[in-house]
């Protein structure tokens, strides 16, 4: 049975800001970014415990083509995405959400 996946408001904002930025760089690139993150989220839903913990109970799965990671927690009831964060940003930003 697959666990429900919840995307926190902060993670939704991360995603929207990054997609907007990519779209400004090139038309359609924001959509490609969202598709890449969607693929990553589906991988998380299929096998949430495969990536190692990177901080406390937080796990990270990279998005592949784009330099972002999807940061999430897993408990008995759900998967919670807490951040979609650029690899070069200060990790304290997403760590504060943990």
C-alpha atoms as a PDB file:
ATOM      1  CA  UNK A   1       0.000   0.000   0.000  1.00  0.00           C
ATOM      2  CA  UNK A   2       1.285   3.450  -0.923  1.00  0.00           C
ATOM      3  CA  UNK A   3       1.403   6.105   1.730  1.00  0.00           C
ATOM      4  CA  UNK A   4      -0.339   9.412   1.076  1.00  0.00           C
ATOM      5  CA  UNK A   5       2.059  12.154   0.028  1.00  0.00           C
ATOM      6  CA  UNK A   6       1.588  15.640   1.454  1.00  0.00           C
ATOM      7  CA  UNK A   7       3.454  18.687   0.120  1.00  0.00           C
ATOM      8  CA  UNK A   8       3.950  21.371   2.768  1.00  0.00           C
ATOM      9  CA  UNK A   9       3.115  24.970   1.854  1.00  0.00           C
ATOM     10  CA  UNK A  10       6.792  25.976   2.064  1.00  0.00           C
ATOM     11  CA  UNK A  11       7.726  23.235  -0.396  1.00  0.00           C
ATOM     12  CA  UNK A  12       4.945  24.349  -2.748  1.00  0.00           C
ATOM     13  CA  UNK A  13       6.356  27.875  -2.596  1.00  0.00           C
ATOM     14  CA  UNK A  14       9.884  26.555  -3.302  1.00  0.00           C
ATOM     15  CA  UNK A  15       8.533  24.722  -6.323  1.00  0.00           C
ATOM     16  CA  UNK A  16       6.575  27.687  -7.678  1.00  0.00           C
ATOM     17  CA  UNK A  17       9.510  30.088  -7.294  1.00  0.00           C
ATOM     18  CA  UNK A  18      11.938  27.730  -9.027  1.00  0.00           C
ATOM     19  CA  UNK A  19       9.504  27.010 -11.866  1.00  0.00           C
ATOM     20  CA  UNK A  20       8.943  30.745 -12.377  1.00  0.00           C
ATOM     21  CA  UNK A  21      12.696  31.375 -12.456  1.00  0.00           C
ATOM     22  CA  UNK A  22      13.285  28.600 -15.013  1.00  0.00           C
ATOM     23  CA  UNK A  23      10.403  29.824 -17.156  1.00  0.00           C
ATOM     24  CA  UNK A  24      11.983  33.287 -17.255  1.00  0.00           C
ATOM     25  CA  UNK A  25      15.234  31.736 -18.469  1.00  0.00           C
ATOM     26  CA  UNK A  26      13.539  29.935 -21.364  1.00  0.00           C
ATOM     27  CA  UNK A  27       9.909  29.421 -22.309  1.00  0.00           C
ATOM     28  CA  UNK A  28       8.872  25.892 -21.390  1.00  0.00           C
ATOM     29  CA  UNK A  29      11.808  25.274 -19.045  1.00  0.00           C
ATOM     30  CA  UNK A  30       9.648  25.856 -15.971  1.00  0.00           C
ATOM     31  CA  UNK A  31       7.288  23.149 -17.186  1.00  0.00           C
ATOM     32  CA  UNK A  32      10.257  20.804 -17.720  1.00  0.00           C
ATOM     33  CA  UNK A  33      11.412  21.526 -14.181  1.00  0.00           C
ATOM     34  CA  UNK A  34       7.960  20.685 -12.780  1.00  0.00           C
ATOM     35  CA  UNK A  35       7.905  17.466 -14.792  1.00  0.00           C
ATOM     36  CA  UNK A  36      11.325  16.502 -13.419  1.00  0.00           C
ATOM     37  CA  UNK A  37      10.177  17.140  -9.847  1.00  0.00           C
ATOM     38  CA  UNK A  38       6.997  15.164 -10.528  1.00  0.00           C
ATOM     39  CA  UNK A  39       9.068  12.183 -11.665  1.00  0.00           C
ATOM     40  CA  UNK A  40      11.181  12.465  -8.521  1.00  0.00           C
ATOM     41  CA  UNK A  41       8.068  12.580  -6.328  1.00  0.00           C
ATOM     42  CA  UNK A  42       6.729   9.440  -8.025  1.00  0.00           C
ATOM     43  CA  UNK A  43      10.022   7.679  -7.276  1.00  0.00           C
ATOM     44  CA  UNK A  44       9.644   8.738  -3.643  1.00  0.00           C
ATOM     45  CA  UNK A  45       6.078   7.393  -3.541  1.00  0.00           C
ATOM     46  CA  UNK A  46       7.180   4.023  -4.918  1.00  0.00           C
ATOM     47  CA  UNK A  47      10.195   3.561  -2.646  1.00  0.00           C
ATOM     48  CA  UNK A  48      10.210   6.194   0.120  1.00  0.00           C
ATOM     49  CA  UNK A  49      12.751   4.486   2.365  1.00  0.00           C
ATOM     50  CA  UNK A  50      15.474   3.921  -0.249  1.00  0.00           C
ATOM     51  CA  UNK A  51      17.267   7.308   0.024  1.00  0.00           C
ATOM     52  CA  UNK A  52      19.339   7.683   3.179  1.00  0.00           C
ATOM     53  CA  UNK A  53      18.505  10.210   5.850  1.00  0.00           C
ATOM     54  CA  UNK A  54      20.480  13.408   5.363  1.00  0.00           C
ATOM     55  CA  UNK A  55      19.408  15.279   8.508  1.00  0.00           C
ATOM     56  CA  UNK A  56      17.457  13.912  11.469  1.00  0.00           C
ATOM     57  CA  UNK A  57      14.449  12.130   9.866  1.00  0.00           C
ATOM     58  CA  UNK A  58      14.743  13.964   6.534  1.00  0.00           C
ATOM     59  CA  UNK A  59      15.592  12.129   3.307  1.00  0.00           C
ATOM     60  CA  UNK A  60      16.617  13.664  -0.018  1.00  0.00           C
ATOM     61  CA  UNK A  61      16.177  12.543  -3.594  1.00  0.00           C
ATOM     62  CA  UNK A  62      17.782  14.627  -6.373  1.00  0.00           C
ATOM     63  CA  UNK A  63      15.659  15.726  -9.321  1.00  0.00           C
ATOM     64  CA  UNK A  64      18.090  14.495 -11.947  1.00  0.00           C
ATOM     65  CA  UNK A  65      18.457  17.096 -14.676  1.00  0.00           C
ATOM     66  CA  UNK A  66      18.004  20.114 -12.421  1.00  0.00           C
ATOM     67  CA  UNK A  67      20.254  20.940  -9.430  1.00  0.00           C
ATOM     68  CA  UNK A  68      17.470  20.491  -6.872  1.00  0.00           C
ATOM     69  CA  UNK A  69      16.591  17.942  -4.242  1.00  0.00           C
ATOM     70  CA  UNK A  70      13.218  16.931  -2.865  1.00  0.00           C
ATOM     71  CA  UNK A  71      13.480  16.756   0.929  1.00  0.00           C
ATOM     72  CA  UNK A  72      10.904  14.688   2.774  1.00  0.00           C
ATOM     73  CA  UNK A  73      10.005  12.733   5.905  1.00  0.00           C
ATOM     74  CA  UNK A  74       8.302   9.367   6.167  1.00  0.00           C
ATOM     75  CA  UNK A  75       6.223   8.161   9.083  1.00  0.00           C
ATOM     76  CA  UNK A  76       3.709   5.335   9.495  1.00  0.00           C
ATOM     77  CA  UNK A  77       0.867   7.394   8.038  1.00  0.00           C
ATOM     78  CA  UNK A  78       2.317   9.592   5.281  1.00  0.00           C
ATOM     79  CA  UNK A  79       5.192  11.033   3.298  1.00  0.00           C
ATOM     80  CA  UNK A  80       5.665  14.778   3.892  1.00  0.00           C
ATOM     81  CA  UNK A  81       7.633  16.850   1.385  1.00  0.00           C
ATOM     82  CA  UNK A  82       9.159  19.697   3.366  1.00  0.00           C
ATOM     83  CA  UNK A  83      11.314  21.392   0.706  1.00  0.00           C
ATOM     84  CA  UNK A  84      12.306  21.486  -2.955  1.00  0.00           C
ATOM     85  CA  UNK A  85      15.700  23.089  -2.597  1.00  0.00           C
ATOM     86  CA  UNK A  86      18.556  24.093  -4.893  1.00  0.00           C
ATOM     87  CA  UNK A  87      21.729  22.161  -4.139  1.00  0.00           C
ATOM     88  CA  UNK A  88      23.797  25.366  -3.767  1.00  0.00           C
ATOM     89  CA  UNK A  89      21.532  27.075  -1.222  1.00  0.00           C
ATOM     90  CA  UNK A  90      22.332  27.138   2.463  1.00  0.00           C
ATOM     91  CA  UNK A  91      20.864  23.913   3.883  1.00  0.00           C
ATOM     92  CA  UNK A  92      19.841  25.659   7.089  1.00  0.00           C
ATOM     93  CA  UNK A  93      16.791  26.915   5.178  1.00  0.00           C
ATOM     94  CA  UNK A  94      15.282  23.461   4.728  1.00  0.00           C
ATOM     95  CA  UNK A  95      16.758  22.135   7.976  1.00  0.00           C
ATOM     96  CA  UNK A  96      14.713  24.693   9.920  1.00  0.00           C
ATOM     97  CA  UNK A  97      11.591  23.054   8.461  1.00  0.00           C
ATOM     98  CA  UNK A  98      12.574  19.637   9.798  1.00  0.00           C
END
